[in-house]
Structure formats: C-alpha cells, structure tokens
Amino acid sequence: MSADAARELLERIADGTPIDWDRVGGVDAALLESAHTLDAVRHAYRRIGSNEPGERVLFRWGGLSVLELLASGATAEVYRAWDAGLSTMVALKLLRPEAAVAGLRSEEFLREGHLLARIGQRNVLRVYGAAVHDGRPGLWAEWIDGRTLEASVAADGPLAAAEAVHVGLELCAALGAIHAAGLVHGDVKASNALR
C-alpha cells in the first residue's frame, strides 16, 4: 500500500466517512487491521458523553428516542433510534398492532428477540433487548453504518466472482448461527444484508 493510499484511508477514518472494509484491497493485513480497530474506537468515542440524539424525536418507546422510520413491512416497522442508557444509536423493530391478523403474536416476536440476543456470531446483528412499551412489542439492536448489499450492487454493479463467494460464505455463517439458535431467517434477500 502506498503512503498516499494509507493517508487517504486514515483521513477517511478521521472524517467519519463510512468505509466498506470488504472492498479495501491491496492493503498490508496488519495496517488494515489497525485501521479497522482505529475506526471502531472512533465510533465508540463519538458516542461517549452524549445522552441526547441531537435530532428531532418522532416519539419515545421505553428508553429510546425514535428518530427516523427506515422501513415498513406487513408485520413490523424499523426505525433508527437513540438509546440514552447505552449512549448509542440503535435499530428498533416494532411489531405493528395489526400483525396479529397476519399470524405473528407478541410472544413469538419477543421470543425471537430473546433468542437473537444470545447469538454472538460476527455476521449477525447484535440484539440488545426485546420488550413491550406502550402496548407495542419491539426489539432493539446495534446500529450499523453502511449500505445494504442491494444498494452496493445498485451503486457499484455486480460483485466480482471472488467477492460474491466471500459474501455468500459470510451469509452462510450468519444463517448457520441463526439456525443453531433455533430460528429460521424467513426473509433472506440483498436488502436485508448490511455491509
């Protein structure tokens, strides 16, 4: 890796520019690992000392300040939210009240959240908790700055063969961990895979 490329990578970390770590190629492995660690530390320190999101709050759910609707499906809605207790941004999935009509009950939803929270595989979103507040069951999980696989392909074109194999193996590892926990991921698609 040239000095200019290393400087550019470090400047992106300092500026807070999202980095697709799977796409950083031709980099010394030790430098890449150190840069990745530095970026993780920067993310952690960015959140320290702040108990407010600094954004307009749509509503509150338990200890979370809900900031933005990200997706809405037949059974649930996904939001970006601020967890004041953890001083961090989280993803919040709330079950729709009408989801019972679709056959998904609150108990099943919360049970899935509890099982997901036990999974520690690096390719599976870390679930922090599952509860009911204001009559709405929900679960909250780590917030990932990045793009979906669908958005990456739309922006950058099809994956190269080696990269497609790598992504496929990572997805298989994630699904294996989910299945080992007694769950079945019922909606595997490119828009549900974050990079």
Protein backbone atom coordinates (compact mmCIF):
# COMPACT_ATOMS: atom_id res chain seq x y z
CA MET A 1 0.00 0.00 0.00
CA SER A 2 1.38 3.39 -0.92
CA ALA A 3 1.83 6.18 1.61
CA ASP A 4 -0.85 8.20 -0.23
CA ALA A 5 -3.38 5.35 -0.03
CA ALA A 6 -2.64 4.86 3.68
CA ARG A 7 -3.02 8.59 4.31
CA GLU A 8 -6.32 8.62 2.41
CA LEU A 9 -7.64 5.68 4.47
CA LEU A 10 -6.67 7.40 7.73
CA GLU A 11 -8.24 10.69 6.57
CA ARG A 12 -11.50 8.85 5.85
CA ILE A 13 -11.42 7.43 9.37
CA ALA A 14 -10.74 10.86 10.88
CA ASP A 15 -13.54 12.46 8.82
CA GLY A 16 -16.01 9.75 9.79
CA THR A 17 -16.54 8.69 6.18
CA PRO A 18 -18.07 5.18 6.04
CA ILE A 19 -15.58 2.60 4.77
CA ASP A 20 -16.56 -0.62 3.05
CA TRP A 21 -13.85 -2.74 4.70
CA ASP A 22 -14.55 -5.68 2.38
CA ARG A 23 -13.58 -3.50 -0.59
CA VAL A 24 -10.25 -2.22 0.74
CA GLY A 25 -7.84 -4.23 -1.36
CA GLY A 26 -4.09 -4.47 -1.77
CA VAL A 27 -3.51 -3.38 1.79
CA ASP A 28 -0.99 -4.76 4.23
CA ALA A 29 -3.03 -7.00 6.57
CA ALA A 30 -1.51 -5.54 9.76
CA LEU A 31 -2.20 -1.96 8.66
CA LEU A 32 -5.73 -2.86 7.59
CA GLU A 33 -6.47 -4.50 10.95
CA SER A 34 -5.06 -1.49 12.83
CA ALA A 35 -7.06 0.95 10.71
CA HIS A 36 -10.25 -1.08 11.26
CA THR A 37 -9.64 -1.04 15.04
CA LEU A 38 -8.98 2.71 14.94
CA ASP A 39 -12.27 3.26 13.11
CA ALA A 40 -14.16 1.18 15.71
CA VAL A 41 -12.58 3.23 18.53
CA ARG A 42 -13.53 6.48 16.76
CA HIS A 43 -17.15 5.28 16.52
CA ALA A 44 -17.20 4.38 20.21
CA TYR A 45 -15.75 7.68 21.40
CA ARG A 46 -18.06 9.67 19.16
CA ARG A 47 -20.96 8.44 21.28
CA ILE A 48 -19.44 8.95 24.75
CA GLY A 49 -20.82 11.75 26.87
CA SER A 50 -23.99 12.29 24.90
CA ASN A 51 -27.37 11.27 26.28
CA GLU A 52 -29.40 13.10 23.66
CA PRO A 53 -29.58 12.33 19.98
CA GLY A 54 -29.40 15.97 18.86
CA GLU A 55 -32.17 15.31 16.32
CA ARG A 56 -35.93 15.74 16.15
CA VAL A 57 -37.60 12.92 18.10
CA LEU A 58 -40.63 11.33 16.44
CA PHE A 59 -41.73 9.54 19.62
CA ARG A 60 -40.34 7.70 22.61
CA TRP A 61 -40.52 3.96 23.13
CA GLY A 62 -39.26 2.90 26.54
CA GLY A 63 -35.81 4.44 26.99
CA LEU A 64 -35.38 5.01 23.26
CA SER A 65 -35.84 8.26 21.34
CA VAL A 66 -37.17 7.24 17.93
CA LEU A 67 -35.68 9.45 15.21
CA GLU A 68 -36.46 8.08 11.75
CA LEU A 69 -38.61 5.44 10.04
CA LEU A 70 -36.33 3.29 7.86
CA ALA A 71 -38.65 0.57 6.59
CA SER A 72 -42.22 -0.57 6.95
CA GLY A 73 -43.49 -4.06 6.25
CA ALA A 74 -46.66 -6.04 6.76
CA THR A 75 -45.75 -7.10 10.31
CA ALA A 76 -43.20 -4.58 11.59
CA GLU A 77 -41.60 -1.17 11.22
CA VAL A 78 -37.88 -0.49 11.57
CA TYR A 79 -36.61 2.79 12.99
CA ARG A 80 -33.32 4.48 13.77
CA ALA A 81 -33.38 5.38 17.46
CA TRP A 82 -31.17 6.73 20.23
CA ASP A 83 -30.62 4.58 23.32
CA ALA A 84 -29.84 7.02 26.15
CA GLY A 85 -28.96 4.16 28.50
CA LEU A 86 -26.24 2.90 26.17
CA SER A 87 -25.48 6.35 24.68
CA THR A 88 -25.62 4.90 21.21
CA MET A 89 -27.70 4.77 18.06
CA VAL A 90 -29.73 1.58 17.63
CA ALA A 91 -32.06 -0.05 15.14
CA LEU A 92 -35.54 -0.54 16.58
CA LYS A 93 -38.03 -3.05 15.14
CA LEU A 94 -41.58 -2.54 16.39
CA LEU A 95 -44.34 -5.04 15.75
CA ARG A 96 -47.36 -3.50 14.06
CA PRO A 97 -50.59 -3.70 16.08
CA GLU A 98 -52.31 -5.35 13.13
CA ALA A 99 -49.56 -8.02 12.90
CA ALA A 100 -51.69 -10.40 14.94
CA VAL A 101 -54.00 -10.55 11.93
CA ALA A 102 -51.03 -11.77 9.88
CA GLY A 103 -50.45 -14.55 12.42
CA LEU A 104 -47.49 -13.10 14.34
CA ARG A 105 -48.16 -12.82 18.06
CA SER A 106 -46.30 -10.64 20.54
CA GLU A 107 -44.97 -13.63 22.48
CA GLU A 108 -43.41 -15.15 19.36
CA PHE A 109 -41.86 -11.84 18.37
CA LEU A 110 -40.32 -11.33 21.84
CA ARG A 111 -39.13 -14.95 21.97
CA GLU A 112 -37.30 -14.44 18.68
CA GLY A 113 -35.72 -11.29 20.09
CA HIS A 114 -34.52 -13.16 23.18
CA LEU A 115 -33.04 -15.95 21.06
CA LEU A 116 -31.35 -13.49 18.71
CA ALA A 117 -29.79 -11.67 21.67
CA ARG A 118 -27.91 -14.88 22.55
CA ILE A 119 -26.19 -15.10 19.15
CA GLY A 120 -22.61 -13.83 19.17
CA GLN A 121 -21.64 -14.51 15.56
CA ARG A 122 -19.89 -11.52 13.92
CA ASN A 123 -22.14 -11.55 10.85
CA VAL A 124 -25.38 -11.43 12.85
CA LEU A 125 -26.73 -8.13 14.09
CA ARG A 126 -26.33 -7.91 17.87
CA VAL A 127 -29.72 -7.66 19.56
CA TYR A 128 -29.60 -5.66 22.80
CA GLY A 129 -33.09 -6.41 24.07
CA ALA A 130 -36.75 -7.16 23.47
CA ALA A 131 -39.67 -5.72 25.44
CA VAL A 132 -43.16 -4.24 25.29
CA HIS A 133 -43.68 -0.50 25.82
CA ASP A 134 -46.89 1.42 25.25
CA GLY A 135 -48.52 -1.83 24.16
CA ARG A 136 -46.05 -2.35 21.29
CA PRO A 137 -43.58 -5.22 21.30
CA GLY A 138 -40.19 -4.37 19.92
CA LEU A 139 -36.56 -5.31 19.82
CA TRP A 140 -33.54 -3.08 19.50
CA ALA A 141 -30.18 -3.93 18.02
CA GLU A 142 -26.84 -2.48 17.09
CA TRP A 143 -26.85 0.30 14.52
CA ILE A 144 -24.61 -0.38 11.54
CA ASP A 145 -23.33 2.48 9.40
CA GLY A 146 -23.18 1.04 5.93
CA ARG A 147 -25.16 0.02 2.90
CA THR A 148 -27.30 -2.95 2.11
CA LEU A 149 -25.95 -5.49 -0.33
CA GLU A 150 -28.77 -4.40 -2.64
CA ALA A 151 -27.62 -0.75 -2.51
CA SER A 152 -23.98 -1.76 -3.06
CA VAL A 153 -24.83 -3.75 -6.17
CA ALA A 154 -27.09 -0.97 -7.46
CA ALA A 155 -24.35 1.64 -6.96
CA ASP A 156 -21.25 -0.39 -7.88
CA GLY A 157 -22.55 -3.09 -10.19
CA PRO A 158 -22.40 -6.86 -9.82
CA LEU A 159 -19.90 -8.39 -7.42
CA ALA A 160 -16.73 -9.95 -8.80
CA ALA A 161 -16.67 -13.74 -8.53
CA ALA A 162 -14.29 -13.84 -5.55
CA GLU A 163 -16.27 -11.18 -3.72
CA ALA A 164 -19.57 -12.97 -4.41
CA VAL A 165 -18.08 -16.17 -2.95
CA HIS A 166 -16.86 -14.23 0.12
CA VAL A 167 -20.29 -12.62 0.67
CA GLY A 168 -22.00 -15.98 0.18
CA LEU A 169 -19.79 -17.68 2.75
CA GLU A 170 -20.34 -14.86 5.26
CA LEU A 171 -24.12 -15.12 4.76
CA CYS A 172 -23.97 -18.89 5.23
CA ALA A 173 -22.04 -18.43 8.50
CA ALA A 174 -24.69 -15.98 9.72
CA LEU A 175 -27.57 -18.26 8.75
CA GLY A 176 -25.82 -21.21 10.39
CA ALA A 177 -25.62 -19.30 13.69
CA ILE A 178 -29.27 -18.27 13.42
CA HIS A 179 -30.37 -21.84 12.70
CA ALA A 180 -28.23 -23.16 15.58
CA ALA A 181 -30.15 -20.81 17.90
CA GLY A 182 -33.40 -22.48 16.85
CA LEU A 183 -34.56 -19.80 14.44
CA VAL A 184 -35.18 -19.63 10.71
CA HIS A 185 -34.50 -16.39 8.86
CA GLY A 186 -37.65 -16.09 6.80
CA ASP A 187 -36.58 -13.15 4.63
CA VAL A 188 -33.09 -13.64 3.17
CA LYS A 189 -32.53 -11.05 0.46
CA ALA A 190 -29.97 -8.45 -0.59
CA SER A 191 -31.88 -5.61 1.07
CA ASN A 192 -31.56 -7.42 4.45
CA ALA A 193 -27.78 -7.88 4.27
CA LEU A 194 -25.73 -4.94 5.55
CA ARG A 195 -22.12 -4.26 4.61
